[in-house]
Amino acid sequence: MFRSFFYNSKGEFNPVYFWITCFCLVALVLMLLRVFGANTFSDALVLGVLGFIQIWVALYNKQSKDKREIG
């Protein structure tokens, strides 16, 4: 089940997928804590983590696309 979160389509382990999954879990925990009333975390922190993930995925996909076009 978790294999699809950490491996690319060729079956090779991809650390980027691992870290993106970890950061998504952190964002999920932060959002759940906010929903259930924890005032120690701001909405800006949750949005910052989600923005970081989004930028990282976009940069990774752009790099992968550039590699496919070159070679």
N, C-alpha and C. Protein backbone atom coordinates (compact mmCIF):
# COMPACT_ATOMS: atom_id res chain seq x y z
N MET A 1 0.81 -1.19 0.00
CA MET A 1 0.00 0.00 0.00
C MET A 1 0.86 1.26 0.00
N PHE A 2 1.87 1.32 0.85
CA PHE A 2 2.69 2.52 0.94
C PHE A 2 3.75 2.58 -0.15
N ARG A 3 3.90 1.52 -0.89
CA ARG A 3 4.91 1.48 -1.95
C ARG A 3 4.69 2.60 -2.97
N SER A 4 3.45 2.90 -3.28
CA SER A 4 3.17 3.93 -4.27
C SER A 4 3.54 5.33 -3.78
N PHE A 5 3.67 5.51 -2.47
CA PHE A 5 4.05 6.81 -1.93
C PHE A 5 5.56 7.06 -2.02
N PHE A 6 6.35 6.02 -2.11
CA PHE A 6 7.80 6.17 -2.02
C PHE A 6 8.56 5.75 -3.27
N TYR A 7 7.92 5.14 -4.23
CA TYR A 7 8.60 4.63 -5.41
C TYR A 7 8.04 5.29 -6.67
N ASN A 8 8.89 5.47 -7.65
CA ASN A 8 8.43 6.05 -8.91
C ASN A 8 7.85 4.96 -9.80
N SER A 9 7.49 5.31 -11.02
CA SER A 9 6.82 4.35 -11.91
C SER A 9 7.75 3.21 -12.35
N LYS A 10 9.06 3.41 -12.24
CA LYS A 10 10.03 2.37 -12.60
C LYS A 10 10.32 1.42 -11.45
N GLY A 11 9.73 1.67 -10.29
CA GLY A 11 9.96 0.81 -9.14
C GLY A 11 11.18 1.19 -8.32
N GLU A 12 11.76 2.35 -8.60
CA GLU A 12 12.94 2.81 -7.87
C GLU A 12 12.51 3.68 -6.70
N PHE A 13 13.20 3.53 -5.55
CA PHE A 13 12.89 4.36 -4.39
C PHE A 13 13.21 5.81 -4.71
N ASN A 14 12.30 6.70 -4.37
CA ASN A 14 12.48 8.11 -4.65
C ASN A 14 12.35 8.89 -3.34
N PRO A 15 13.46 9.43 -2.81
CA PRO A 15 13.40 10.13 -1.53
C PRO A 15 12.48 11.35 -1.55
N VAL A 16 12.31 11.99 -2.70
CA VAL A 16 11.44 13.15 -2.77
C VAL A 16 10.01 12.76 -2.42
N TYR A 17 9.55 11.63 -2.93
CA TYR A 17 8.20 11.16 -2.60
C TYR A 17 8.08 10.86 -1.11
N PHE A 18 9.12 10.30 -0.53
CA PHE A 18 9.12 10.00 0.90
C PHE A 18 8.95 11.28 1.72
N TRP A 19 9.75 12.30 1.41
CA TRP A 19 9.68 13.54 2.18
C TRP A 19 8.40 14.30 1.93
N ILE A 20 7.89 14.26 0.72
CA ILE A 20 6.61 14.92 0.45
C ILE A 20 5.49 14.25 1.26
N THR A 21 5.53 12.92 1.35
CA THR A 21 4.54 12.19 2.14
C THR A 21 4.66 12.57 3.61
N CYS A 22 5.89 12.67 4.12
CA CYS A 22 6.09 13.06 5.53
C CYS A 22 5.56 14.46 5.80
N PHE A 23 5.85 15.41 4.91
CA PHE A 23 5.37 16.77 5.11
C PHE A 23 3.85 16.86 4.97
N CYS A 24 3.26 16.05 4.11
CA CYS A 24 1.80 16.02 4.00
C CYS A 24 1.17 15.49 5.29
N LEU A 25 1.82 14.50 5.90
CA LEU A 25 1.33 13.99 7.18
C LEU A 25 1.43 15.05 8.27
N VAL A 26 2.53 15.81 8.27
CA VAL A 26 2.68 16.91 9.24
C VAL A 26 1.57 17.93 9.03
N ALA A 27 1.32 18.30 7.78
CA ALA A 27 0.25 19.26 7.49
C ALA A 27 -1.10 18.73 7.93
N LEU A 28 -1.35 17.44 7.72
CA LEU A 28 -2.61 16.84 8.14
C LEU A 28 -2.77 16.91 9.65
N VAL A 29 -1.71 16.57 10.37
CA VAL A 29 -1.76 16.63 11.84
C VAL A 29 -2.01 18.07 12.31
N LEU A 30 -1.32 19.04 11.70
CA LEU A 30 -1.53 20.43 12.08
C LEU A 30 -2.96 20.88 11.81
N MET A 31 -3.51 20.46 10.67
CA MET A 31 -4.90 20.83 10.36
C MET A 31 -5.88 20.18 11.33
N LEU A 32 -5.64 18.92 11.68
CA LEU A 32 -6.53 18.25 12.64
C LEU A 32 -6.44 18.91 14.01
N LEU A 33 -5.24 19.29 14.42
CA LEU A 33 -5.11 19.97 15.70
C LEU A 33 -5.86 21.30 15.70
N ARG A 34 -5.80 22.02 14.57
CA ARG A 34 -6.54 23.29 14.47
C ARG A 34 -8.04 23.05 14.50
N VAL A 35 -8.51 22.01 13.83
CA VAL A 35 -9.94 21.72 13.81
C VAL A 35 -10.46 21.37 15.20
N PHE A 36 -9.65 20.64 15.96
CA PHE A 36 -10.09 20.22 17.28
C PHE A 36 -9.70 21.20 18.39
N GLY A 37 -9.32 22.42 18.01
CA GLY A 37 -9.21 23.49 19.00
C GLY A 37 -7.84 23.79 19.56
N ALA A 38 -6.78 23.26 19.02
CA ALA A 38 -5.45 23.60 19.51
C ALA A 38 -5.09 24.99 19.01
N ASN A 39 -4.88 25.93 19.91
CA ASN A 39 -4.58 27.30 19.53
C ASN A 39 -3.08 27.56 19.45
N THR A 40 -2.28 26.54 19.63
CA THR A 40 -0.83 26.74 19.61
C THR A 40 -0.27 26.83 18.19
N PHE A 41 -1.03 26.37 17.21
CA PHE A 41 -0.58 26.42 15.82
C PHE A 41 -1.43 27.42 15.05
N SER A 42 -0.78 28.29 14.31
CA SER A 42 -1.54 29.26 13.54
C SER A 42 -1.90 28.68 12.17
N ASP A 43 -2.87 29.32 11.54
CA ASP A 43 -3.25 28.92 10.19
C ASP A 43 -2.11 29.18 9.21
N ALA A 44 -1.32 30.21 9.51
CA ALA A 44 -0.20 30.54 8.64
C ALA A 44 0.83 29.41 8.61
N LEU A 45 1.01 28.72 9.72
CA LEU A 45 1.94 27.59 9.76
C LEU A 45 1.46 26.45 8.87
N VAL A 46 0.17 26.16 8.95
CA VAL A 46 -0.40 25.11 8.10
C VAL A 46 -0.27 25.49 6.64
N LEU A 47 -0.63 26.72 6.30
CA LEU A 47 -0.53 27.18 4.92
C LEU A 47 0.92 27.23 4.45
N GLY A 48 1.83 27.55 5.35
CA GLY A 48 3.25 27.56 5.00
C GLY A 48 3.76 26.17 4.65
N VAL A 49 3.37 25.18 5.43
CA VAL A 49 3.77 23.80 5.14
C VAL A 49 3.19 23.34 3.82
N LEU A 50 1.93 23.64 3.58
CA LEU A 50 1.29 23.24 2.32
C LEU A 50 1.92 23.97 1.13
N GLY A 51 2.27 25.25 1.30
CA GLY A 51 2.94 25.99 0.24
C GLY A 51 4.32 25.44 -0.05
N PHE A 52 5.04 25.05 1.00
CA PHE A 52 6.36 24.44 0.83
C PHE A 52 6.25 23.15 0.02
N ILE A 53 5.27 22.33 0.34
CA ILE A 53 5.06 21.07 -0.39
C ILE A 53 4.74 21.36 -1.85
N GLN A 54 3.87 22.33 -2.09
CA GLN A 54 3.47 22.66 -3.45
C GLN A 54 4.65 23.14 -4.28
N ILE A 55 5.47 24.00 -3.71
CA ILE A 55 6.65 24.50 -4.44
C ILE A 55 7.63 23.36 -4.70
N TRP A 56 7.83 22.50 -3.71
CA TRP A 56 8.77 21.39 -3.87
C TRP A 56 8.32 20.45 -4.99
N VAL A 57 7.03 20.13 -5.03
CA VAL A 57 6.50 19.26 -6.08
C VAL A 57 6.66 19.92 -7.45
N ALA A 58 6.36 21.21 -7.53
CA ALA A 58 6.48 21.92 -8.81
C ALA A 58 7.93 21.93 -9.30
N LEU A 59 8.87 22.20 -8.42
CA LEU A 59 10.28 22.20 -8.82
C LEU A 59 10.76 20.81 -9.22
N TYR A 60 10.33 19.81 -8.48
CA TYR A 60 10.72 18.43 -8.80
C TYR A 60 10.16 18.02 -10.16
N ASN A 61 8.90 18.35 -10.43
CA ASN A 61 8.29 18.00 -11.71
C ASN A 61 8.95 18.74 -12.86
N LYS A 62 9.30 20.00 -12.65
CA LYS A 62 9.98 20.76 -13.70
C LYS A 62 11.35 20.15 -14.00
N GLN A 63 12.07 19.78 -12.95
CA GLN A 63 13.38 19.15 -13.14
C GLN A 63 13.24 17.82 -13.87
N SER A 64 12.25 17.02 -13.49
CA SER A 64 12.03 15.74 -14.17
C SER A 64 11.68 15.94 -15.63
N LYS A 65 10.86 16.95 -15.92
CA LYS A 65 10.48 17.23 -17.30
C LYS A 65 11.70 17.67 -18.11
N ASP A 66 12.55 18.51 -17.52
CA ASP A 66 13.75 18.96 -18.23
C ASP A 66 14.68 17.80 -18.53
N LYS A 67 14.80 16.84 -17.60
CA LYS A 67 15.66 15.69 -17.84
C LYS A 67 15.12 14.82 -18.97
N ARG A 68 13.80 14.67 -19.05
CA ARG A 68 13.20 13.85 -20.10
C ARG A 68 13.39 14.49 -21.48
N GLU A 69 13.34 15.83 -21.53
CA GLU A 69 13.50 16.51 -22.82
C GLU A 69 14.93 16.45 -23.31
N ILE A 70 15.91 16.49 -22.39
CA ILE A 70 17.32 16.48 -22.78
C ILE A 70 17.75 15.07 -23.19
N GLY A 71 17.45 14.09 -22.36
CA GLY A 71 17.97 12.76 -22.63
C GLY A 71 16.90 11.80 -22.76
